[in-house]
N, C-alpha and C. Protein backbone atom coordinates (compact mmCIF):
# COMPACT_ATOMS: atom_id res chain seq x y z
N MET A 1 -19.23 -59.66 55.02
CA MET A 1 -19.32 -60.80 54.15
C MET A 1 -20.82 -60.76 53.47
N PRO A 2 -20.73 -61.07 52.27
CA PRO A 2 -22.26 -61.16 51.59
C PRO A 2 -23.16 -62.29 52.34
N SER A 3 -24.33 -62.10 52.49
CA SER A 3 -25.23 -62.96 53.27
C SER A 3 -25.22 -64.31 52.63
N GLY A 4 -25.62 -65.33 53.10
CA GLY A 4 -25.54 -66.50 52.55
C GLY A 4 -26.33 -66.59 51.29
N ALA A 5 -27.59 -65.94 51.27
CA ALA A 5 -28.09 -65.95 49.99
C ALA A 5 -27.34 -65.14 48.77
N GLN A 6 -26.75 -64.01 48.97
CA GLN A 6 -25.99 -63.32 48.00
C GLN A 6 -24.84 -64.10 47.61
N SER A 7 -24.12 -64.84 48.55
CA SER A 7 -22.87 -65.39 48.34
C SER A 7 -23.43 -66.84 47.50
N HIS A 8 -24.48 -67.51 47.67
CA HIS A 8 -24.85 -68.49 46.85
C HIS A 8 -25.24 -67.97 45.29
N GLU A 9 -26.17 -66.87 45.28
CA GLU A 9 -26.42 -66.20 43.97
C GLU A 9 -25.15 -65.81 43.32
N ILE A 10 -24.07 -65.20 43.97
CA ILE A 10 -23.02 -64.90 43.20
C ILE A 10 -22.32 -66.14 42.65
N LEU A 11 -22.28 -67.23 43.47
CA LEU A 11 -21.46 -68.48 42.84
C LEU A 11 -22.31 -69.06 41.88
N VAL A 12 -23.48 -69.16 41.73
CA VAL A 12 -24.45 -69.78 40.71
C VAL A 12 -24.27 -68.96 39.41
N VAL A 13 -24.26 -67.63 39.69
CA VAL A 13 -24.05 -66.72 38.51
C VAL A 13 -22.53 -66.92 37.88
N ALA A 14 -21.63 -66.80 38.63
CA ALA A 14 -20.25 -67.04 38.42
C ALA A 14 -19.82 -68.32 37.67
N GLN A 15 -20.55 -69.50 38.20
CA GLN A 15 -20.34 -70.69 37.43
C GLN A 15 -21.00 -70.75 36.07
N HIS A 16 -22.28 -70.06 36.00
CA HIS A 16 -22.78 -70.02 34.75
C HIS A 16 -21.95 -69.33 33.78
N GLN A 17 -21.38 -68.14 34.26
CA GLN A 17 -20.28 -67.47 33.51
C GLN A 17 -19.35 -68.14 32.90
N HIS A 18 -18.79 -69.10 33.65
CA HIS A 18 -17.59 -69.87 33.42
C HIS A 18 -18.26 -70.84 32.24
N ARG A 19 -19.17 -71.44 32.44
CA ARG A 19 -19.71 -72.52 31.28
C ARG A 19 -19.79 -71.74 30.19
N GLN A 20 -20.60 -70.34 30.13
CA GLN A 20 -20.94 -69.70 28.73
C GLN A 20 -19.62 -69.23 28.18
N LEU A 21 -18.52 -69.01 29.01
CA LEU A 21 -17.22 -68.47 28.65
C LEU A 21 -16.50 -69.69 27.83
N ILE A 22 -16.57 -70.65 28.29
CA ILE A 22 -16.23 -71.89 27.54
C ILE A 22 -16.62 -72.15 26.61
N GLU A 23 -17.92 -72.29 26.51
CA GLU A 23 -18.74 -72.38 25.29
C GLU A 23 -18.55 -71.42 24.24
N SER A 24 -18.61 -70.27 24.42
CA SER A 24 -18.25 -69.28 23.49
C SER A 24 -16.79 -69.40 22.80
N ILE A 25 -15.72 -69.75 23.66
CA ILE A 25 -14.47 -70.12 23.12
C ILE A 25 -14.66 -71.22 22.20
N ARG A 26 -15.14 -72.41 22.64
CA ARG A 26 -15.25 -73.57 21.93
C ARG A 26 -15.90 -73.21 20.67
N GLU A 27 -17.06 -72.21 20.48
CA GLU A 27 -17.71 -71.90 19.31
C GLU A 27 -16.95 -70.89 18.70
N ARG A 28 -15.84 -70.29 18.86
CA ARG A 28 -14.99 -69.27 18.35
C ARG A 28 -15.69 -67.82 18.58
N GLN A 29 -16.71 -67.81 19.34
CA GLN A 29 -17.20 -66.54 19.56
C GLN A 29 -16.49 -65.36 20.26
N GLY A 30 -15.44 -64.76 19.99
CA GLY A 30 -14.57 -64.29 20.56
C GLY A 30 -15.28 -62.90 21.24
N THR A 31 -15.87 -62.29 20.42
CA THR A 31 -16.57 -61.18 21.11
C THR A 31 -17.50 -61.36 22.30
N ARG A 32 -18.31 -62.53 22.26
CA ARG A 32 -19.22 -62.85 23.21
C ARG A 32 -18.28 -63.39 24.50
N ALA A 33 -17.19 -64.07 23.96
CA ALA A 33 -16.18 -64.48 25.22
C ALA A 33 -15.71 -63.26 25.87
N GLU A 34 -15.40 -62.40 25.19
CA GLU A 34 -14.69 -61.00 26.05
C GLU A 34 -15.95 -60.51 26.85
N GLU A 35 -17.34 -60.20 26.22
CA GLU A 35 -18.28 -59.78 26.93
C GLU A 35 -18.53 -60.40 28.40
N ILE A 36 -18.56 -61.86 28.08
CA ILE A 36 -18.90 -62.63 29.41
C ILE A 36 -17.73 -62.55 30.45
N ALA A 37 -16.47 -62.33 29.99
CA ALA A 37 -15.34 -62.17 30.75
C ALA A 37 -15.46 -60.88 31.56
N HIS A 38 -15.73 -59.75 30.62
CA HIS A 38 -15.96 -58.37 31.35
C HIS A 38 -17.03 -58.54 32.54
N GLU A 39 -17.98 -59.35 31.96
CA GLU A 39 -19.22 -59.28 33.08
C GLU A 39 -18.82 -60.12 34.35
N HIS A 40 -18.05 -60.98 34.14
CA HIS A 40 -17.36 -61.98 35.27
C HIS A 40 -16.70 -61.19 36.35
N ALA A 41 -15.70 -60.22 35.48
CA ALA A 41 -14.83 -59.41 36.30
C ALA A 41 -15.59 -58.35 37.06
N ARG A 42 -16.93 -58.00 36.60
CA ARG A 42 -17.55 -56.93 37.42
C ARG A 42 -18.15 -57.51 38.57
N LEU A 43 -18.60 -59.06 38.33
CA LEU A 43 -19.14 -59.58 39.47
C LEU A 43 -18.25 -60.12 40.44
N SER A 44 -16.95 -60.38 40.13
CA SER A 44 -15.95 -60.64 41.02
C SER A 44 -15.54 -59.22 41.87
N ARG A 45 -15.66 -58.20 41.24
CA ARG A 45 -15.36 -57.00 41.97
C ARG A 45 -16.47 -56.74 42.86
N LEU A 46 -17.70 -57.01 42.46
CA LEU A 46 -18.79 -56.74 43.41
C LEU A 46 -18.87 -57.61 44.60
N ASN A 47 -18.53 -58.85 44.42
CA ASN A 47 -18.17 -59.64 45.56
C ASN A 47 -17.14 -59.31 46.53
N LEU A 48 -15.85 -58.85 45.93
CA LEU A 48 -15.04 -58.47 46.69
C LEU A 48 -15.43 -57.24 47.54
N ASP A 49 -15.98 -56.30 46.87
CA ASP A 49 -16.64 -54.96 47.58
C ASP A 49 -17.48 -55.45 48.71
N LEU A 50 -18.28 -56.26 48.52
CA LEU A 50 -19.28 -56.84 49.52
C LEU A 50 -18.54 -57.22 50.79
N VAL A 51 -17.41 -58.19 50.31
CA VAL A 51 -16.55 -58.76 51.79
C VAL A 51 -15.74 -57.74 52.26
N LEU A 52 -15.36 -56.69 51.69
CA LEU A 52 -14.40 -55.66 52.31
C LEU A 52 -15.37 -54.76 53.00
N GLU A 53 -16.62 -54.61 52.76
CA GLU A 53 -17.46 -53.77 53.63
C GLU A 53 -17.70 -54.32 54.89
N ASN A 54 -17.51 -55.74 55.00
CA ASN A 54 -17.80 -56.42 56.31
C ASN A 54 -16.54 -56.28 57.16
N THR A 55 -16.46 -55.62 58.26
CA THR A 55 -15.20 -55.59 59.13
C THR A 55 -14.66 -56.91 59.41
N GLU A 56 -15.55 -57.76 59.99
CA GLU A 56 -15.29 -59.10 60.55
C GLU A 56 -14.59 -59.80 59.43
N ALA A 57 -15.17 -59.81 58.19
CA ALA A 57 -14.61 -60.77 57.12
C ALA A 57 -13.39 -60.10 56.63
N ARG A 58 -13.30 -58.77 56.61
CA ARG A 58 -11.96 -58.08 56.20
C ARG A 58 -11.11 -58.10 57.18
N ASP A 59 -11.23 -58.47 58.45
CA ASP A 59 -9.98 -58.47 59.29
C ASP A 59 -9.42 -60.06 59.33
N ARG A 60 -10.38 -60.90 58.69
CA ARG A 60 -9.76 -62.20 58.58
C ARG A 60 -9.21 -62.49 57.20
N MET A 61 -9.12 -61.33 56.28
CA MET A 61 -8.58 -61.72 54.93
C MET A 61 -6.93 -61.28 54.89
N PRO A 62 -6.18 -62.04 54.57
CA PRO A 62 -4.83 -61.60 54.59
C PRO A 62 -4.81 -60.57 53.29
N GLY A 63 -3.97 -59.53 53.73
CA GLY A 63 -3.87 -58.48 52.35
C GLY A 63 -4.87 -57.52 52.14
N ALA A 64 -6.05 -57.63 52.87
CA ALA A 64 -7.40 -56.92 52.83
C ALA A 64 -6.84 -55.46 53.17
N PRO A 65 -5.96 -55.09 53.90
CA PRO A 65 -5.59 -53.50 54.03
C PRO A 65 -4.92 -53.11 52.67
N LEU A 66 -4.27 -53.79 51.83
CA LEU A 66 -3.83 -53.36 50.69
C LEU A 66 -4.77 -52.97 49.71
N LEU A 67 -5.83 -53.94 49.92
CA LEU A 67 -7.16 -53.89 48.82
C LEU A 67 -7.81 -52.44 49.23
N THR A 68 -8.05 -52.27 50.42
CA THR A 68 -9.15 -51.14 50.89
C THR A 68 -8.15 -49.99 50.62
N GLU A 69 -6.81 -49.85 50.48
CA GLU A 69 -6.22 -48.55 50.13
C GLU A 69 -6.31 -48.17 48.82
N VAL A 70 -6.34 -49.24 47.83
CA VAL A 70 -6.42 -48.92 46.42
C VAL A 70 -7.97 -48.55 46.09
N GLY A 71 -8.95 -49.32 46.59
CA GLY A 71 -10.20 -49.10 46.12
C GLY A 71 -10.66 -47.80 46.38
């Protein structure tokens, strides 16, 4: 599992991305919203990869074997 500092940093960045995504949609900035959404997806994938690298965390995560087979 990501370290406490990593988890907190990922959470803070993800929350910021959510706010920016809503703002860009509100402002009708479709291209910007799309770019933020793509960046958020990359961050989500990084977070998932970090969790899956940790055997203890992976073993507690239902469905993890399915994810590790695809990845």
